[in-house]
PDB file of N, CA and C in Angstrom:
ATOM      1  N   MET A   1      19.374 175.448 124.430  1.00  0.00           N
ATOM      2  CA  MET A   1      19.956 176.948 124.514  1.00  0.00           C
ATOM      3  C   MET A   1      21.200 176.987 124.714  1.00  0.00           C
ATOM      4  N   ASP A   2      22.197 177.467 124.215  1.00  0.00           N
ATOM      5  CA  ASP A   2      23.418 178.023 124.822  1.00  0.00           C
ATOM      6  C   ASP A   2      23.674 178.461 126.157  1.00  0.00           C
ATOM      7  N   VAL A   3      24.376 177.486 126.246  1.00  0.00           N
ATOM      8  CA  VAL A   3      25.203 177.545 128.088  1.00  0.00           C
ATOM      9  C   VAL A   3      26.051 179.309 127.868  1.00  0.00           C
ATOM     10  N   ASP A   4      26.236 179.864 127.015  1.00  0.00           N
ATOM     11  CA  ASP A   4      26.854 180.481 126.421  1.00  0.00           C
ATOM     12  C   ASP A   4      26.495 181.853 126.840  1.00  0.00           C
ATOM     13  N   PHE A   5      25.017 181.820 125.994  1.00  0.00           N
ATOM     14  CA  PHE A   5      24.257 182.593 126.101  1.00  0.00           C
ATOM     15  C   PHE A   5      23.370 182.934 126.942  1.00  0.00           C
ATOM     16  N   ILE A   6      22.990 181.280 127.180  1.00  0.00           N
ATOM     17  CA  ILE A   6      22.006 181.935 129.185  1.00  0.00           C
ATOM     18  C   ILE A   6      23.397 182.513 130.231  1.00  0.00           C
ATOM     19  N   ASN A   7      24.932 182.222 129.775  1.00  0.00           N
ATOM     20  CA  ASN A   7      25.066 182.986 130.560  1.00  0.00           C
ATOM     21  C   ASN A   7      25.774 183.960 130.912  1.00  0.00           C
ATOM     22  N   SER A   8      25.868 185.404 129.593  1.00  0.00           N
ATOM     23  CA  SER A   8      25.618 186.574 128.698  1.00  0.00           C
ATOM     24  C   SER A   8      24.939 187.241 129.572  1.00  0.00           C
ATOM     25  N   HIS A   9      23.702 186.918 129.704  1.00  0.00           N
ATOM     26  CA  HIS A   9      22.260 186.614 129.561  1.00  0.00           C
ATOM     27  C   HIS A   9      22.086 187.062 131.616  1.00  0.00           C
ATOM     28  N   PHE A  10      22.528 185.700 131.458  1.00  0.00           N
ATOM     29  CA  PHE A  10      22.100 186.212 133.517  1.00  0.00           C
ATOM     30  C   PHE A  10      23.625 187.461 133.804  1.00  0.00           C
ATOM     31  N   LEU A  11      24.467 187.876 134.018  1.00  0.00           N
ATOM     32  CA  LEU A  11      25.105 188.530 134.022  1.00  0.00           C
ATOM     33  C   LEU A  11      24.587 189.549 133.031  1.00  0.00           C
ATOM     34  N   VAL A  12      24.404 190.203 132.465  1.00  0.00           N
ATOM     35  CA  VAL A  12      23.478 191.249 132.314  1.00  0.00           C
ATOM     36  C   VAL A  12      21.698 191.390 132.853  1.00  0.00           C
ATOM     37  N   ALA A  13      21.789 190.349 133.148  1.00  0.00           N
ATOM     38  CA  ALA A  13      20.051 190.784 134.143  1.00  0.00           C
ATOM     39  C   ALA A  13      20.486 190.901 135.901  1.00  0.00           C
ATOM     40  N   LEU A  14      22.175 190.825 136.368  1.00  0.00           N
ATOM     41  CA  LEU A  14      22.613 191.010 137.344  1.00  0.00           C
ATOM     42  C   LEU A  14      22.737 192.464 137.331  1.00  0.00           C
ATOM     43  N   GLU A  15      23.012 192.908 136.028  1.00  0.00           N
ATOM     44  CA  GLU A  15      23.644 194.212 136.318  1.00  0.00           C
ATOM     45  C   GLU A  15      22.584 195.033 136.221  1.00  0.00           C
ATOM     46  N   MET A  16      21.479 194.339 135.325  1.00  0.00           N
ATOM     47  CA  MET A  16      20.772 194.772 135.786  1.00  0.00           C
ATOM     48  C   MET A  16      19.358 195.914 136.546  1.00  0.00           C
ATOM     49  N   GLY A  17      20.208 194.629 137.788  1.00  0.00           N
ATOM     50  CA  GLY A  17      19.021 194.333 139.016  1.00  0.00           C
ATOM     51  C   GLY A  17      18.018 192.911 138.853  1.00  0.00           C
ATOM     52  N   ILE A  18      17.308 192.201 138.361  1.00  0.00           N
ATOM     53  CA  ILE A  18      16.661 191.585 137.719  1.00  0.00           C
ATOM     54  C   ILE A  18      17.342 190.391 138.826  1.00  0.00           C
ATOM     55  N   SER A  19      17.115 190.519 139.648  1.00  0.00           N
ATOM     56  CA  SER A  19      16.764 188.854 140.500  1.00  0.00           C
ATOM     57  C   SER A  19      17.182 187.486 140.152  1.00  0.00           C
ATOM     58  N   ILE A  20      17.821 187.163 141.038  1.00  0.00           N
ATOM     59  CA  ILE A  20      18.412 185.275 140.233  1.00  0.00           C
ATOM     60  C   ILE A  20      16.702 184.180 140.530  1.00  0.00           C
ATOM     61  N   PHE A  21      16.413 184.876 141.307  1.00  0.00           N
ATOM     62  CA  PHE A  21      14.893 184.086 140.642  1.00  0.00           C
ATOM     63  C   PHE A  21      13.477 183.916 140.259  1.00  0.00           C
ATOM     64  N   ASP A  22      14.053 185.695 139.609  1.00  0.00           N
ATOM     65  CA  ASP A  22      13.502 186.310 138.906  1.00  0.00           C
ATOM     66  C   ASP A  22      13.247 186.054 136.923  1.00  0.00           C
ATOM     67  N   PHE A  23      14.852 186.158 137.185  1.00  0.00           N
ATOM     68  CA  PHE A  23      15.802 185.140 136.031  1.00  0.00           C
ATOM     69  C   PHE A  23      14.902 183.931 134.886  1.00  0.00           C
ATOM     70  N   TRP A  24      14.857 183.468 135.712  1.00  0.00           N
ATOM     71  CA  TRP A  24      14.094 182.339 136.025  1.00  0.00           C
ATOM     72  C   TRP A  24      13.305 181.543 135.389  1.00  0.00           C
ATOM     73  N   LYS A  25      12.409 182.974 136.315  1.00  0.00           N
ATOM     74  CA  LYS A  25      11.049 182.947 136.436  1.00  0.00           C
ATOM     75  C   LYS A  25      10.468 183.182 134.604  1.00  0.00           C
ATOM     76  N   ILE A  26      11.404 184.908 133.675  1.00  0.00           N
ATOM     77  CA  ILE A  26      10.598 185.140 132.727  1.00  0.00           C
ATOM     78  C   ILE A  26      11.300 184.855 131.363  1.00  0.00           C
ATOM     79  N   THR A  27      10.612 184.945 130.715  1.00  0.00           N
ATOM     80  CA  THR A  27      10.911 184.445 129.354  1.00  0.00           C
ATOM     81  C   THR A  27      11.880 185.455 128.450  1.00  0.00           C
ATOM     82  N   LEU A  28      12.331 185.113 127.266  1.00  0.00           N
ATOM     83  CA  LEU A  28      13.220 185.789 126.508  1.00  0.00           C
ATOM     84  C   LEU A  28      12.824 186.993 126.040  1.00  0.00           C
ATOM     85  N   SER A  29      10.829 187.241 125.986  1.00  0.00           N
ATOM     86  CA  SER A  29      10.921 188.136 125.227  1.00  0.00           C
ATOM     87  C   SER A  29      10.504 189.561 126.906  1.00  0.00           C
ATOM     88  N   GLU A  30      10.142 189.187 127.602  1.00  0.00           N
ATOM     89  CA  GLU A  30      10.153 190.302 128.870  1.00  0.00           C
ATOM     90  C   GLU A  30      11.432 190.464 128.919  1.00  0.00           C
ATOM     91  N   PHE A  31      12.481 189.733 129.529  1.00  0.00           N
ATOM     92  CA  PHE A  31      13.674 190.214 129.598  1.00  0.00           C
ATOM     93  C   PHE A  31      14.263 190.892 128.533  1.00  0.00           C
ATOM     94  N   TYR A  32      13.512 190.472 127.306  1.00  0.00           N
ATOM     95  CA  TYR A  32      14.477 192.099 126.275  1.00  0.00           C
ATOM     96  C   TYR A  32      13.992 193.047 126.751  1.00  0.00           C
ATOM     97  N   ALA A  33      12.378 193.489 126.978  1.00  0.00           N
ATOM     98  CA  ALA A  33      11.868 193.955 127.466  1.00  0.00           C
ATOM     99  C   ALA A  33      12.658 195.010 128.887  1.00  0.00           C
ATOM    100  N   TYR A  34      12.782 193.742 130.106  1.00  0.00           N
ATOM    101  CA  TYR A  34      13.254 194.407 130.357  1.00  0.00           C
ATOM    102  C   TYR A  34      14.223 195.263 129.923  1.00  0.00           C
ATOM    103  N   CYS A  35      15.442 194.851 129.627  1.00  0.00           N
ATOM    104  CA  CYS A  35      16.542 195.411 128.870  1.00  0.00           C
ATOM    105  C   CYS A  35      16.364 197.022 128.162  1.00  0.00           C
ATOM    106  N   HIS A  36      15.062 196.717 127.557  1.00  0.00           N
ATOM    107  CA  HIS A  36      14.520 198.479 126.366  1.00  0.00           C
ATOM    108  C   HIS A  36      14.019 199.179 127.405  1.00  0.00           C
ATOM    109  N   ALA A  37      13.544 199.174 129.137  1.00  0.00           N
ATOM    110  CA  ALA A  37      13.679 199.862 130.080  1.00  0.00           C
ATOM    111  C   ALA A  37      14.325 200.454 130.241  1.00  0.00           C
ATOM    112  N   TYR A  38      15.250 198.695 130.384  1.00  0.00           N
ATOM    113  CA  TYR A  38      16.341 199.571 131.460  1.00  0.00           C
ATOM    114  C   TYR A  38      17.745 201.150 130.743  1.00  0.00           C
ATOM    115  N   ASN A  39      17.385 200.314 129.130  1.00  0.00           N
ATOM    116  CA  ASN A  39      18.781 201.239 128.872  1.00  0.00           C
ATOM    117  C   ASN A  39      17.818 202.659 128.415  1.00  0.00           C
ATOM    118  N   LYS A  40      16.685 202.863 128.805  1.00  0.00           N
ATOM    119  CA  LYS A  40      15.525 204.371 128.249  1.00  0.00           C
ATOM    120  C   LYS A  40      16.135 204.770 129.901  1.00  0.00           C
ATOM    121  N   ARG A  41      16.005 204.494 130.706  1.00  0.00           N
ATOM    122  CA  ARG A  41      16.385 204.748 131.845  1.00  0.00           C
ATOM    123  C   ARG A  41      17.381 205.505 132.338  1.00  0.00           C
ATOM    124  N   LYS A  42      18.723 204.560 131.908  1.00  0.00           N
ATOM    125  CA  LYS A  42      19.873 205.043 131.905  1.00  0.00           C
ATOM    126  C   LYS A  42      20.056 205.904 130.759  1.00  0.00           C
ATOM    127  N   ILE A  43      19.353 206.649 129.625  1.00  0.00           N
ATOM    128  CA  ILE A  43      18.910 207.318 129.264  1.00  0.00           C
ATOM    129  C   ILE A  43      18.774 208.309 129.555  1.00  0.00           C
ATOM    130  N   ASN A  44      17.810 208.311 130.412  1.00  0.00           N
ATOM    131  CA  ASN A  44      17.246 209.578 130.852  1.00  0.00           C
ATOM    132  C   ASN A  44      17.764 209.887 131.712  1.00  0.00           C
ATOM    133  N   GLU A  45      18.696 209.332 132.619  1.00  0.00           N
ATOM    134  CA  GLU A  45      19.579 209.398 133.976  1.00  0.00           C
ATOM    135  C   GLU A  45      20.858 210.517 133.463  1.00  0.00           C
ATOM    136  N   HIS A  46      21.369 209.921 132.209  1.00  0.00           N
ATOM    137  CA  HIS A  46      22.600 210.556 131.646  1.00  0.00           C
ATOM    138  C   HIS A  46      22.268 211.624 131.345  1.00  0.00           C
ATOM    139  N   ASN A  47      21.040 211.742 130.534  1.00  0.00           N
ATOM    140  CA  ASN A  47      20.955 213.422 129.687  1.00  0.00           C
ATOM    141  C   ASN A  47      19.464 214.257 130.892  1.00  0.00           C
ATOM    142  N   SER A  48      19.325 213.664 132.453  1.00  0.00           N
ATOM    143  CA  SER A  48      19.984 214.946 133.357  1.00  0.00           C
ATOM    144  C   SER A  48      20.677 214.900 133.847  1.00  0.00           C
ATOM    145  N   LEU A  49      21.256 213.679 134.022  1.00  0.00           N
ATOM    146  CA  LEU A  49      22.400 215.022 134.645  1.00  0.00           C
ATOM    147  C   LEU A  49      23.615 215.158 133.976  1.00  0.00           C
ATOM    148  N   ILE A  50      23.568 215.311 132.209  1.00  0.00           N
ATOM    149  CA  ILE A  50      24.482 216.599 131.208  1.00  0.00           C
ATOM    150  C   ILE A  50      22.802 218.141 132.019  1.00  0.00           C
ATOM    151  N   THR A  51      22.281 217.366 131.247  1.00  0.00           N
ATOM    152  CA  THR A  51      21.103 219.063 131.724  1.00  0.00           C
ATOM    153  C   THR A  51      22.019 219.469 132.653  1.00  0.00           C
ATOM    154  N   GLN A  52      21.652 219.151 134.033  1.00  0.00           N
ATOM    155  CA  GLN A  52      22.059 219.516 135.174  1.00  0.00           C
ATOM    156  C   GLN A  52      23.369 220.322 135.342  1.00  0.00           C
ATOM    157  N   SER A  53      24.134 219.487 134.510  1.00  0.00           N
ATOM    158  CA  SER A  53      25.818 219.979 134.661  1.00  0.00           C
ATOM    159  C   SER A  53      26.068 221.276 133.190  1.00  0.00           C
ATOM    160  N   TYR A  54      24.929 221.428 132.578  1.00  0.00           N
ATOM    161  CA  TYR A  54      24.925 222.065 131.675  1.00  0.00           C
ATOM    162  C   TYR A  54      24.661 222.993 132.403  1.00  0.00           C
ATOM    163  N   TYR A  55      23.042 223.555 133.348  1.00  0.00           N
ATOM    164  CA  TYR A  55      22.941 224.544 133.496  1.00  0.00           C
ATOM    165  C   TYR A  55      24.082 225.183 134.517  1.00  0.00           C
ATOM    166  N   MET A  56      24.315 223.944 135.602  1.00  0.00           N
ATOM    167  CA  MET A  56      25.159 224.843 136.021  1.00  0.00           C
ATOM    168  C   MET A  56      26.481 225.221 135.712  1.00  0.00           C
ATOM    169  N   ALA A  57      27.353 225.425 134.161  1.00  0.00           N
ATOM    170  CA  ALA A  57      27.658 225.597 133.631  1.00  0.00           C
ATOM    171  C   ALA A  57      27.570 227.201 132.848  1.00  0.00           C
ATOM    172  N   VAL A  58      26.415 226.527 132.392  1.00  0.00           N
ATOM    173  CA  VAL A  58      25.761 228.228 132.289  1.00  0.00           C
ATOM    174  C   VAL A  58      25.362 228.951 133.059  1.00  0.00           C
ATOM    175  N   PHE A  59      24.796 229.012 133.950  1.00  0.00           N
ATOM    176  CA  PHE A  59      25.194 229.745 135.093  1.00  0.00           C
ATOM    177  C   PHE A  59      26.333 230.576 136.230  1.00  0.00           C
ATOM    178  N   THR A  60      27.681 229.573 135.379  1.00  0.00           N
ATOM    179  CA  THR A  60      28.390 230.172 136.161  1.00  0.00           C
ATOM    180  C   THR A  60      29.162 230.625 135.387  1.00  0.00           C
ATOM    181  N   ARG A  61      28.980 230.754 134.422  1.00  0.00           N
ATOM    182  CA  ARG A  61      29.955 231.643 133.146  1.00  0.00           C
ATOM    183  C   ARG A  61      29.473 232.558 132.652  1.00  0.00           C
ATOM    184  N   VAL A  62      30.639 232.969 132.398  1.00  0.00           N
ATOM    185  CA  VAL A  62      30.156 234.510 131.139  1.00  0.00           C
ATOM    186  C   VAL A  62      29.624 234.178 129.320  1.00  0.00           C
ATOM    187  N   LYS A  63      31.022 232.915 129.382  1.00  0.00           N
ATOM    188  CA  LYS A  63      30.912 232.883 128.036  1.00  0.00           C
ATOM    189  C   LYS A  63      29.662 232.308 127.636  1.00  0.00           C
ATOM    190  N   THR A  64      29.114 232.139 126.596  1.00  0.00           N
ATOM    191  CA  THR A  64      27.809 231.635 125.730  1.00  0.00           C
ATOM    192  C   THR A  64      27.831 230.058 125.728  1.00  0.00           C
ATOM    193  N   LEU A  65      27.728 228.804 125.702  1.00  0.00           N
ATOM    194  CA  LEU A  65      27.148 227.805 125.467  1.00  0.00           C
ATOM    195  C   LEU A  65      26.819 227.656 124.222  1.00  0.00           C
ATOM    196  N   GLU A  66      27.552 226.223 123.711  1.00  0.00           N
ATOM    197  CA  GLU A  66      26.565 225.968 122.282  1.00  0.00           C
ATOM    198  C   GLU A  66      25.074 224.786 122.465  1.00  0.00           C
ATOM    199  N   SER A  67      24.337 225.095 122.175  1.00  0.00           N
ATOM    200  CA  SER A  67      23.060 224.255 122.471  1.00  0.00           C
ATOM    201  C   SER A  67      23.451 222.826 123.415  1.00  0.00           C
ATOM    202  N   LEU A  68      22.598 222.687 124.203  1.00  0.00           N
ATOM    203  CA  LEU A  68      21.940 221.697 125.049  1.00  0.00           C
ATOM    204  C   LEU A  68      22.256 220.404 123.957  1.00  0.00           C
ATOM    205  N   GLU A  69      20.809 220.698 123.319  1.00  0.00           N
ATOM    206  CA  GLU A  69      21.034 219.649 122.595  1.00  0.00           C
ATOM    207  C   GLU A  69      21.988 219.034 122.159  1.00  0.00           C
ATOM    208  N   LYS A  70      22.933 219.313 121.482  1.00  0.00           N
ATOM    209  CA  LYS A  70      24.298 218.191 120.783  1.00  0.00           C
ATOM    210  C   LYS A  70      24.353 217.577 122.018  1.00  0.00           C
ATOM    211  N   TYR A  71      25.036 217.811 122.924  1.00  0.00           N
ATOM    212  CA  TYR A  71      24.982 216.547 124.389  1.00  0.00           C
ATOM    213  C   TYR A  71      24.427 215.932 124.631  1.00  0.00           C
ATOM    214  N   LEU A  72      22.663 216.063 124.678  1.00  0.00           N
ATOM    215  CA  LEU A  72      22.545 214.403 124.440  1.00  0.00           C
ATOM    216  C   LEU A  72      22.359 213.761 124.215  1.00  0.00           C
ATOM    217  N   PHE A  73      21.429 212.277 124.587  1.00  0.00           N
ATOM    218  CA  PHE A  73      20.952 211.636 123.621  1.00  0.00           C
ATOM    219  C   PHE A  73      19.363 211.650 123.424  1.00  0.00           C
ATOM    220  N   SER A  74      19.963 211.411 122.413  1.00  0.00           N
ATOM    221  CA  SER A  74      19.125 211.322 121.014  1.00  0.00           C
ATOM    222  C   SER A  74      18.499 210.048 119.770  1.00  0.00           C
ATOM    223  N   GLU A  75      17.351 209.203 119.621  1.00  0.00           N
ATOM    224  CA  GLU A  75      17.173 208.512 117.998  1.00  0.00           C
ATOM    225  C   GLU A  75      17.521 209.554 117.507  1.00  0.00           C
ATOM    226  N   ASP A  76      17.154 210.650 117.673  1.00  0.00           N
ATOM    227  CA  ASP A  76      17.655 211.806 116.305  1.00  0.00           C
ATOM    228  C   ASP A  76      18.973 211.528 115.745  1.00  0.00           C
ATOM    229  N   ASN A  77      19.992 211.737 116.724  1.00  0.00           N
ATOM    230  CA  ASN A  77      21.933 212.099 116.920  1.00  0.00           C
ATOM    231  C   ASN A  77      22.415 211.126 116.307  1.00  0.00           C
ATOM    232  N   LYS A  78      20.984 209.130 116.707  1.00  0.00           N
ATOM    233  CA  LYS A  78      22.139 208.328 116.496  1.00  0.00           C
ATOM    234  C   LYS A  78      23.191 208.385 115.116  1.00  0.00           C
ATOM    235  N   LYS A  79      23.940 207.984 115.720  1.00  0.00           N
ATOM    236  CA  LYS A  79      25.072 207.441 114.186  1.00  0.00           C
ATOM    237  C   LYS A  79      25.331 206.187 113.984  1.00  0.00           C
ATOM    238  N   GLU A  80      24.393 205.842 112.986  1.00  0.00           N
ATOM    239  CA  GLU A  80      24.556 204.625 112.426  1.00  0.00           C
ATOM    240  C   GLU A  80      26.225 203.905 111.602  1.00  0.00           C
ATOM    241  N   LEU A  81      26.832 203.029 112.208  1.00  0.00           N
ATOM    242  CA  LEU A  81      27.551 202.764 111.782  1.00  0.00           C
ATOM    243  C   LEU A  81      28.112 201.536 111.002  1.00  0.00           C
ATOM    244  N   SER A  82      28.343 202.011 109.370  1.00  0.00           N
ATOM    245  CA  SER A  82      29.425 200.767 108.669  1.00  0.00           C
ATOM    246  C   SER A  82      29.827 199.086 109.477  1.00  0.00           C
ATOM    247  N   LYS A  83      29.507 198.185 108.893  1.00  0.00           N
ATOM    248  CA  LYS A  83      30.505 197.216 108.688  1.00  0.00           C
ATOM    249  C   LYS A  83      31.328 196.906 109.943  1.00  0.00           C
ATOM    250  N   GLU A  84      31.708 198.080 108.900  1.00  0.00           N
ATOM    251  CA  GLU A  84      33.761 197.974 109.072  1.00  0.00           C
ATOM    252  C   GLU A  84      33.757 198.720 110.330  1.00  0.00           C
ATOM    253  N   GLU A  85      33.105 200.024 110.485  1.00  0.00           N
ATOM    254  CA  GLU A  85      33.656 200.664 111.974  1.00  0.00           C
ATOM    255  C   GLU A  85      32.826 200.059 113.010  1.00  0.00           C
ATOM    256  N   LEU A  86      31.946 198.991 113.306  1.00  0.00           N
ATOM    257  CA  LEU A  86      31.067 198.144 114.343  1.00  0.00           C
ATOM    258  C   LEU A  86      32.258 197.218 113.816  1.00  0.00           C
ATOM    259  N   GLU A  87      33.417 196.325 113.812  1.00  0.00           N
ATOM    260  CA  GLU A  87      34.591 195.971 113.859  1.00  0.00           C
ATOM    261  C   GLU A  87      35.274 196.007 114.365  1.00  0.00           C
ATOM    262  N   GLN A  88      35.447 197.033 113.617  1.00  0.00           N
ATOM    263  CA  GLN A  88      36.700 198.591 114.368  1.00  0.00           C
ATOM    264  C   GLN A  88      35.997 198.416 116.346  1.00  0.00           C
ATOM    265  N   GLU A  89      35.007 199.537 116.213  1.00  0.00           N
ATOM    266  CA  GLU A  89      34.447 199.594 117.698  1.00  0.00           C
ATOM    267  C   GLU A  89      34.629 198.082 118.773  1.00  0.00           C
ATOM    268  N   LYS A  90      34.368 197.244 118.161  1.00  0.00           N
ATOM    269  CA  LYS A  90      34.112 195.239 118.862  1.00  0.00           C
ATOM    270  C   LYS A  90      35.174 195.333 119.367  1.00  0.00           C
ATOM    271  N   GLU A  91      36.521 195.779 118.303  1.00  0.00           N
ATOM    272  CA  GLU A  91      37.555 195.193 118.634  1.00  0.00           C
ATOM    273  C   GLU A  91      38.585 196.316 119.700  1.00  0.00           C
ATOM    274  N   ASN A  92      38.149 196.917 119.395  1.00  0.00           N
ATOM    275  CA  ASN A  92      39.250 198.809 120.174  1.00  0.00           C
ATOM    276  C   ASN A  92      38.176 198.016 122.034  1.00  0.00           C
ATOM    277  N   LEU A  93      36.925 197.511 122.110  1.00  0.00           N
ATOM    278  CA  LEU A  93      36.322 197.671 123.511  1.00  0.00           C
ATOM    279  C   LEU A  93      37.030 196.267 123.681  1.00  0.00           C
ATOM    280  N   SER A  94      36.930 195.448 123.322  1.00  0.00           N
ATOM    281  CA  SER A  94      37.857 193.853 123.129  1.00  0.00           C
ATOM    282  C   SER A  94      38.959 193.886 123.477  1.00  0.00           C
ATOM    283  N   LYS A  95      39.950 195.156 123.267  1.00  0.00           N
ATOM    284  CA  LYS A  95      41.389 195.467 123.632  1.00  0.00           C
ATOM    285  C   LYS A  95      40.956 196.178 124.930  1.00  0.00           C
ATOM    286  N   MET A  96      40.748 197.008 125.125  1.00  0.00           N
ATOM    287  CA  MET A  96      40.246 197.702 126.734  1.00  0.00           C
ATOM    288  C   MET A  96      39.879 196.816 127.632  1.00  0.00           C
ATOM    289  N   PHE A  97      38.499 196.594 127.656  1.00  0.00           N
ATOM    290  CA  PHE A  97      38.633 195.065 128.675  1.00  0.00           C
ATOM    291  C   PHE A  97      39.146 194.164 128.910  1.00  0.00           C
ATOM    292  N   GLY A  98      39.727 193.256 128.003  1.00  0.00           N
ATOM    293  CA  GLY A  98      40.566 192.734 128.188  1.00  0.00           C
ATOM    294  C   GLY A  98      39.676 191.658 127.567  1.00  0.00           C
ATOM    295  N   VAL A  99      39.625 190.882 126.384  1.00  0.00           N
ATOM    296  CA  VAL A  99      38.345 189.962 126.425  1.00  0.00           C
ATOM    297  C   VAL A  99      38.679 189.172 125.536  1.00  0.00           C
TER     298      VAL A  99
END
């Protein structure tokens, strides 16, 4: 395997909380399963915080708010990007993070 490939996956594993020892024990398939589960957990945490904030705002405001579903991540709300939009997003993120 390519060294850059391993290094990039190693850094992702550390960010997800996988120990160094476990990283070298798991297969690539197991690693991707960890990534998928981690992303789902983070989306659930994000949606939970948004829901709490939304209900706090509802209880402290007189004016009615837009639907909560508008703010939550879901598979239905996912926007498919074209190749040009993906390239533009990649350039923007590269500039933002100095890569």
